[in-house]
């Protein structure tokens, strides 16, 4: 297989959406192969207005510099999004969890609130 290096320009989510109005409510999904923390940090303004965020999280370290689940949770809590559970998960052939889609929500009920 032939390989070659290409240059790709990147911008943060906040700079891409600067000056644009999004219809609310909206959700942000991250599936960025190890760049979750960088994408989240570059989208803090966008995420501050989101009701939901879905993040694909790898359990095993697959990428250099990959964020841990704990780091992702802490960063999303900074913009008011709380871990609310998993939407789905994928397993390795030997039965371990390989990765999962973690859901974060802005108005997640606290322990003192009813979930009716």
N, C-alpha and C. Protein backbone atom coordinates (compact mmCIF):
# COMPACT_ATOMS: atom_id res chain seq x y z
N UNK A 1 0.84 -1.17 0.00
CA UNK A 1 0.00 0.00 0.00
C UNK A 1 0.89 1.24 0.00
N UNK A 2 0.59 2.19 -0.88
CA UNK A 2 1.33 3.45 -0.95
C UNK A 2 0.81 4.42 0.10
N UNK A 3 1.73 5.11 0.72
CA UNK A 3 1.35 6.12 1.70
C UNK A 3 2.01 7.43 1.34
N UNK A 4 1.35 8.51 1.68
CA UNK A 4 1.95 9.82 1.51
C UNK A 4 1.43 10.76 2.59
N UNK A 5 2.20 11.75 2.89
CA UNK A 5 1.82 12.73 3.89
C UNK A 5 1.11 13.88 3.20
N UNK A 6 0.02 14.31 3.82
CA UNK A 6 -0.70 15.48 3.30
C UNK A 6 -0.86 16.49 4.43
N UNK A 7 -0.98 17.74 4.09
CA UNK A 7 -1.20 18.79 5.07
C UNK A 7 -2.69 19.10 5.11
N UNK A 8 -3.21 19.14 6.31
CA UNK A 8 -4.64 19.41 6.50
C UNK A 8 -4.76 20.61 7.42
N UNK A 9 -5.54 21.60 7.02
CA UNK A 9 -5.75 22.76 7.90
C UNK A 9 -6.83 22.43 8.91
N UNK A 10 -6.64 22.91 10.10
CA UNK A 10 -7.59 22.67 11.19
C UNK A 10 -7.98 23.99 11.84
N UNK A 11 -9.22 24.05 12.29
CA UNK A 11 -9.69 25.19 13.07
C UNK A 11 -10.43 24.64 14.28
N UNK A 12 -10.54 25.44 15.31
CA UNK A 12 -11.30 25.00 16.47
C UNK A 12 -12.80 25.08 16.16
N UNK A 13 -13.57 24.34 16.91
CA UNK A 13 -15.03 24.42 16.75
C UNK A 13 -15.53 25.83 17.03
N UNK A 14 -14.97 26.46 18.06
CA UNK A 14 -15.41 27.81 18.40
C UNK A 14 -15.14 28.80 17.27
N UNK A 15 -13.98 28.70 16.62
CA UNK A 15 -13.71 29.63 15.53
C UNK A 15 -14.56 29.31 14.31
N UNK A 16 -14.85 28.03 14.07
CA UNK A 16 -15.69 27.66 12.93
C UNK A 16 -17.12 28.19 13.10
N UNK A 17 -17.64 28.11 14.32
CA UNK A 17 -19.02 28.53 14.57
C UNK A 17 -19.15 29.98 15.03
N UNK A 18 -18.04 30.70 15.10
CA UNK A 18 -18.08 32.08 15.55
C UNK A 18 -19.03 32.91 14.68
N UNK A 19 -19.93 33.63 15.34
CA UNK A 19 -20.89 34.49 14.63
C UNK A 19 -22.08 33.76 14.05
N UNK A 20 -22.12 32.44 14.17
CA UNK A 20 -23.25 31.67 13.65
C UNK A 20 -24.24 31.38 14.77
N UNK A 21 -25.51 31.43 14.47
CA UNK A 21 -26.56 31.13 15.44
C UNK A 21 -27.06 29.71 15.18
N UNK A 22 -27.01 28.86 16.19
CA UNK A 22 -27.53 27.50 16.07
C UNK A 22 -28.91 27.43 16.68
N UNK A 23 -29.80 26.70 16.03
CA UNK A 23 -31.14 26.49 16.59
C UNK A 23 -31.01 25.63 17.84
N UNK A 24 -31.70 26.03 18.89
CA UNK A 24 -31.64 25.28 20.14
C UNK A 24 -32.91 24.46 20.30
N UNK A 25 -32.85 23.34 20.93
CA UNK A 25 -31.67 22.72 21.53
C UNK A 25 -30.81 22.04 20.47
N UNK A 26 -29.52 21.90 20.77
CA UNK A 26 -28.64 21.16 19.86
C UNK A 26 -27.70 20.25 20.65
N UNK A 27 -27.19 19.25 19.92
CA UNK A 27 -26.27 18.26 20.49
C UNK A 27 -24.98 18.29 19.68
N UNK A 28 -23.86 18.03 20.36
CA UNK A 28 -22.55 17.94 19.70
C UNK A 28 -22.05 16.51 19.87
N UNK A 29 -21.55 15.93 18.77
CA UNK A 29 -20.99 14.57 18.81
C UNK A 29 -19.53 14.60 18.44
N UNK A 30 -18.71 13.89 19.24
CA UNK A 30 -17.28 13.77 18.96
C UNK A 30 -16.93 12.32 18.65
N UNK A 31 -16.32 12.11 17.50
CA UNK A 31 -15.75 10.82 17.11
C UNK A 31 -14.46 11.19 16.38
N UNK A 32 -13.43 11.50 17.15
CA UNK A 32 -12.24 12.15 16.60
C UNK A 32 -10.94 11.38 16.84
N UNK A 33 -11.07 10.09 17.08
CA UNK A 33 -9.91 9.18 17.13
C UNK A 33 -8.75 9.67 17.99
N UNK A 34 -9.00 9.92 19.26
CA UNK A 34 -7.94 10.29 20.18
C UNK A 34 -7.76 11.78 20.41
N UNK A 35 -8.49 12.61 19.68
CA UNK A 35 -8.37 14.07 19.82
C UNK A 35 -9.51 14.67 20.61
N UNK A 36 -10.19 13.86 21.41
CA UNK A 36 -11.36 14.33 22.14
C UNK A 36 -11.08 15.56 23.00
N UNK A 37 -10.04 15.50 23.81
CA UNK A 37 -9.78 16.60 24.73
C UNK A 37 -9.46 17.89 23.97
N UNK A 38 -8.68 17.80 22.92
CA UNK A 38 -8.35 18.99 22.14
C UNK A 38 -9.60 19.57 21.47
N UNK A 39 -10.46 18.70 20.95
CA UNK A 39 -11.69 19.16 20.30
C UNK A 39 -12.63 19.80 21.31
N UNK A 40 -12.74 19.20 22.48
CA UNK A 40 -13.61 19.75 23.53
C UNK A 40 -13.09 21.12 23.98
N UNK A 41 -11.79 21.22 24.22
CA UNK A 41 -11.22 22.50 24.66
C UNK A 41 -11.38 23.57 23.58
N UNK A 42 -11.30 23.19 22.32
CA UNK A 42 -11.47 24.14 21.22
C UNK A 42 -12.91 24.45 20.90
N UNK A 43 -13.83 23.82 21.63
CA UNK A 43 -15.25 24.05 21.40
C UNK A 43 -16.00 24.41 22.66
N UNK A 44 -15.31 25.00 23.63
CA UNK A 44 -15.95 25.27 24.92
C UNK A 44 -17.13 26.23 24.80
N UNK A 45 -17.04 27.23 23.92
CA UNK A 45 -18.18 28.15 23.74
C UNK A 45 -19.35 27.44 23.09
N UNK A 46 -19.07 26.66 22.06
CA UNK A 46 -20.12 25.88 21.40
C UNK A 46 -20.77 24.93 22.40
N UNK A 47 -19.96 24.24 23.17
CA UNK A 47 -20.47 23.27 24.14
C UNK A 47 -21.25 23.94 25.27
N UNK A 48 -20.92 25.19 25.58
CA UNK A 48 -21.65 25.91 26.64
C UNK A 48 -23.11 26.11 26.31
N UNK A 49 -23.46 26.05 25.03
CA UNK A 49 -24.85 26.20 24.62
C UNK A 49 -25.54 24.89 24.28
N UNK A 50 -24.80 23.79 24.27
CA UNK A 50 -25.37 22.49 23.90
C UNK A 50 -26.15 21.89 25.06
N UNK A 51 -27.22 21.20 24.73
CA UNK A 51 -27.98 20.47 25.74
C UNK A 51 -27.38 19.09 25.97
N UNK A 52 -26.83 18.51 24.90
CA UNK A 52 -26.27 17.16 24.96
C UNK A 52 -24.93 17.11 24.23
N UNK A 53 -24.10 16.17 24.65
CA UNK A 53 -22.84 15.91 23.96
C UNK A 53 -22.61 14.40 24.00
N UNK A 54 -22.29 13.82 22.86
CA UNK A 54 -22.00 12.40 22.76
C UNK A 54 -20.54 12.26 22.35
N UNK A 55 -19.77 11.48 23.13
CA UNK A 55 -18.34 11.34 22.89
C UNK A 55 -17.98 9.87 22.77
N UNK A 56 -17.36 9.50 21.65
CA UNK A 56 -16.84 8.14 21.54
C UNK A 56 -15.54 8.07 22.33
N UNK A 57 -15.50 7.16 23.30
CA UNK A 57 -14.36 7.04 24.21
C UNK A 57 -13.72 5.66 24.05
N UNK A 58 -12.43 5.63 23.74
CA UNK A 58 -11.69 4.37 23.67
C UNK A 58 -11.25 3.97 25.07
N UNK A 59 -11.47 2.73 25.42
CA UNK A 59 -11.07 2.24 26.74
C UNK A 59 -9.57 1.96 26.76
N UNK A 60 -9.09 1.22 25.79
CA UNK A 60 -7.66 0.91 25.69
C UNK A 60 -6.95 2.07 25.01
N UNK A 61 -5.72 2.36 25.43
CA UNK A 61 -4.98 3.43 24.75
C UNK A 61 -4.65 3.02 23.30
N UNK A 62 -5.23 3.74 22.36
CA UNK A 62 -5.03 3.45 20.94
C UNK A 62 -4.23 4.53 20.23
N UNK A 63 -4.25 5.76 20.79
CA UNK A 63 -3.65 6.90 20.12
C UNK A 63 -2.68 7.62 21.05
N UNK A 64 -1.60 8.10 20.51
CA UNK A 64 -0.63 8.87 21.28
C UNK A 64 -1.30 10.14 21.79
N UNK A 65 -1.19 10.41 23.09
CA UNK A 65 -1.77 11.61 23.67
C UNK A 65 -3.26 11.53 23.91
N UNK A 66 -3.84 10.36 23.74
CA UNK A 66 -5.28 10.17 23.91
C UNK A 66 -5.72 10.52 25.34
N UNK A 67 -6.84 11.22 25.46
CA UNK A 67 -7.38 11.58 26.78
C UNK A 67 -8.01 10.37 27.45
N UNK A 68 -7.99 10.38 28.76
CA UNK A 68 -8.70 9.35 29.51
C UNK A 68 -10.17 9.77 29.65
N UNK A 69 -11.00 8.82 30.02
CA UNK A 69 -12.41 9.12 30.25
C UNK A 69 -12.55 10.17 31.34
N UNK A 70 -11.75 10.06 32.41
CA UNK A 70 -11.81 11.03 33.51
C UNK A 70 -11.50 12.44 33.04
N UNK A 71 -10.51 12.59 32.17
CA UNK A 71 -10.17 13.92 31.65
C UNK A 71 -11.31 14.49 30.82
N UNK A 72 -11.97 13.64 30.05
CA UNK A 72 -13.10 14.08 29.24
C UNK A 72 -14.25 14.53 30.14
N UNK A 73 -14.54 13.74 31.18
CA UNK A 73 -15.61 14.09 32.13
C UNK A 73 -15.33 15.45 32.77
N UNK A 74 -14.11 15.65 33.25
CA UNK A 74 -13.75 16.91 33.92
C UNK A 74 -13.90 18.09 32.97
N UNK A 75 -13.44 17.95 31.75
CA UNK A 75 -13.50 19.06 30.79
C UNK A 75 -14.95 19.40 30.42
N UNK A 76 -15.80 18.40 30.26
CA UNK A 76 -17.20 18.68 29.92
C UNK A 76 -17.96 19.23 31.12
N UNK A 77 -17.59 18.83 32.33
CA UNK A 77 -18.22 19.41 33.52
C UNK A 77 -17.94 20.91 33.60
N UNK A 78 -16.78 21.34 33.10
CA UNK A 78 -16.43 22.77 33.11
C UNK A 78 -17.41 23.62 32.31
N UNK A 79 -18.04 23.01 31.30
CA UNK A 79 -19.02 23.75 30.49
C UNK A 79 -20.45 23.37 30.86
N UNK A 80 -20.62 22.68 31.99
CA UNK A 80 -21.96 22.38 32.50
C UNK A 80 -22.59 21.12 31.98
N UNK A 81 -21.81 20.23 31.34
CA UNK A 81 -22.35 18.97 30.83
C UNK A 81 -21.91 17.83 31.73
N UNK A 82 -22.87 17.08 32.26
CA UNK A 82 -22.57 16.01 33.21
C UNK A 82 -22.75 14.64 32.57
N UNK A 83 -21.87 13.71 32.94
CA UNK A 83 -21.96 12.35 32.42
C UNK A 83 -23.30 11.75 32.80
N UNK A 84 -24.01 11.19 31.81
CA UNK A 84 -25.36 10.69 32.02
C UNK A 84 -25.51 9.21 31.69
N UNK A 85 -24.44 8.56 31.23
CA UNK A 85 -24.52 7.13 30.90
C UNK A 85 -24.00 6.86 29.51
N UNK A 86 -24.03 5.59 29.14
CA UNK A 86 -23.56 5.16 27.82
C UNK A 86 -24.74 4.90 26.89
N UNK A 87 -24.59 5.30 25.65
CA UNK A 87 -25.60 5.04 24.64
C UNK A 87 -25.36 3.68 24.02
N UNK A 88 -24.09 3.36 23.78
CA UNK A 88 -23.72 2.07 23.20
C UNK A 88 -22.28 1.76 23.58
N UNK A 89 -21.91 0.49 23.39
CA UNK A 89 -20.53 0.09 23.61
C UNK A 89 -20.18 -1.06 22.68
N UNK A 90 -18.92 -1.13 22.32
CA UNK A 90 -18.42 -2.18 21.43
C UNK A 90 -17.40 -3.02 22.18
N UNK A 91 -17.39 -4.30 21.90
CA UNK A 91 -16.52 -5.22 22.61
C UNK A 91 -15.41 -5.76 21.72
N UNK A 92 -14.30 -6.15 22.37
CA UNK A 92 -13.20 -6.83 21.68
C UNK A 92 -13.61 -8.30 21.52
N UNK A 93 -12.92 -9.05 20.66
CA UNK A 93 -13.26 -10.47 20.49
C UNK A 93 -13.21 -11.28 21.80
N UNK A 94 -12.39 -10.85 22.76
CA UNK A 94 -12.32 -11.60 24.03
C UNK A 94 -13.31 -11.07 25.09
N UNK A 95 -14.23 -10.18 24.69
CA UNK A 95 -15.31 -9.77 25.57
C UNK A 95 -15.09 -8.51 26.38
N UNK A 96 -13.94 -7.85 26.22
CA UNK A 96 -13.71 -6.60 26.94
C UNK A 96 -14.31 -5.43 26.16
N UNK A 97 -14.61 -4.35 26.86
CA UNK A 97 -15.13 -3.16 26.18
C UNK A 97 -13.98 -2.49 25.45
N UNK A 98 -14.16 -2.24 24.16
CA UNK A 98 -13.14 -1.57 23.34
C UNK A 98 -13.36 -0.06 23.37
N UNK A 99 -14.61 0.35 23.14
CA UNK A 99 -14.96 1.76 23.19
C UNK A 99 -16.45 1.89 23.43
N UNK A 100 -16.87 3.08 23.85
CA UNK A 100 -18.28 3.31 24.12
C UNK A 100 -18.63 4.75 23.77
N UNK A 101 -19.92 5.00 23.55
CA UNK A 101 -20.43 6.34 23.32
C UNK A 101 -21.00 6.85 24.63
N UNK A 102 -20.32 7.84 25.22
CA UNK A 102 -20.73 8.42 26.50
C UNK A 102 -21.60 9.64 26.26
N UNK A 103 -22.72 9.70 26.96
CA UNK A 103 -23.66 10.80 26.83
C UNK A 103 -23.48 11.77 28.00
N UNK A 104 -23.42 13.06 27.67
CA UNK A 104 -23.31 14.13 28.66
C UNK A 104 -24.50 15.06 28.45
N UNK A 105 -25.13 15.47 29.55
CA UNK A 105 -26.34 16.30 29.45
C UNK A 105 -26.23 17.52 30.35
N UNK A 106 -26.85 18.60 29.91
CA UNK A 106 -26.83 19.85 30.68
C UNK A 106 -27.78 19.79 31.87
N UNK A 107 -28.99 19.34 31.66
CA UNK A 107 -30.00 19.36 32.73
C UNK A 107 -30.24 17.98 33.30
N UNK A 108 -29.17 17.30 33.63
CA UNK A 108 -29.27 15.97 34.22
C UNK A 108 -29.82 16.10 35.63
N UNK A 109 -30.82 15.28 35.99
CA UNK A 109 -31.40 15.38 37.34
C UNK A 109 -30.38 15.08 38.43
N UNK A 110 -30.41 15.83 39.50
CA UNK A 110 -29.55 15.56 40.64
C UNK A 110 -30.18 14.48 41.51
N UNK A 111 -29.47 14.01 42.49
CA UNK A 111 -30.00 12.95 43.37
C UNK A 111 -31.25 13.39 44.11
N UNK A 112 -31.38 14.69 44.34
CA UNK A 112 -32.53 15.19 45.09
C UNK A 112 -33.76 15.39 44.19
N UNK A 113 -33.58 15.26 42.86
CA UNK A 113 -34.69 15.45 41.94
C UNK A 113 -35.24 14.10 41.49
N UNK A 114 -36.51 14.08 41.19
CA UNK A 114 -37.14 12.87 40.67
C UNK A 114 -36.85 12.74 39.18
N UNK A 115 -36.72 11.51 38.67
CA UNK A 115 -36.43 11.28 37.26
C UNK A 115 -37.69 10.96 36.47
N UNK A 116 -38.85 11.07 37.03
CA UNK A 116 -40.11 10.72 36.37
C UNK A 116 -39.98 10.92 34.94
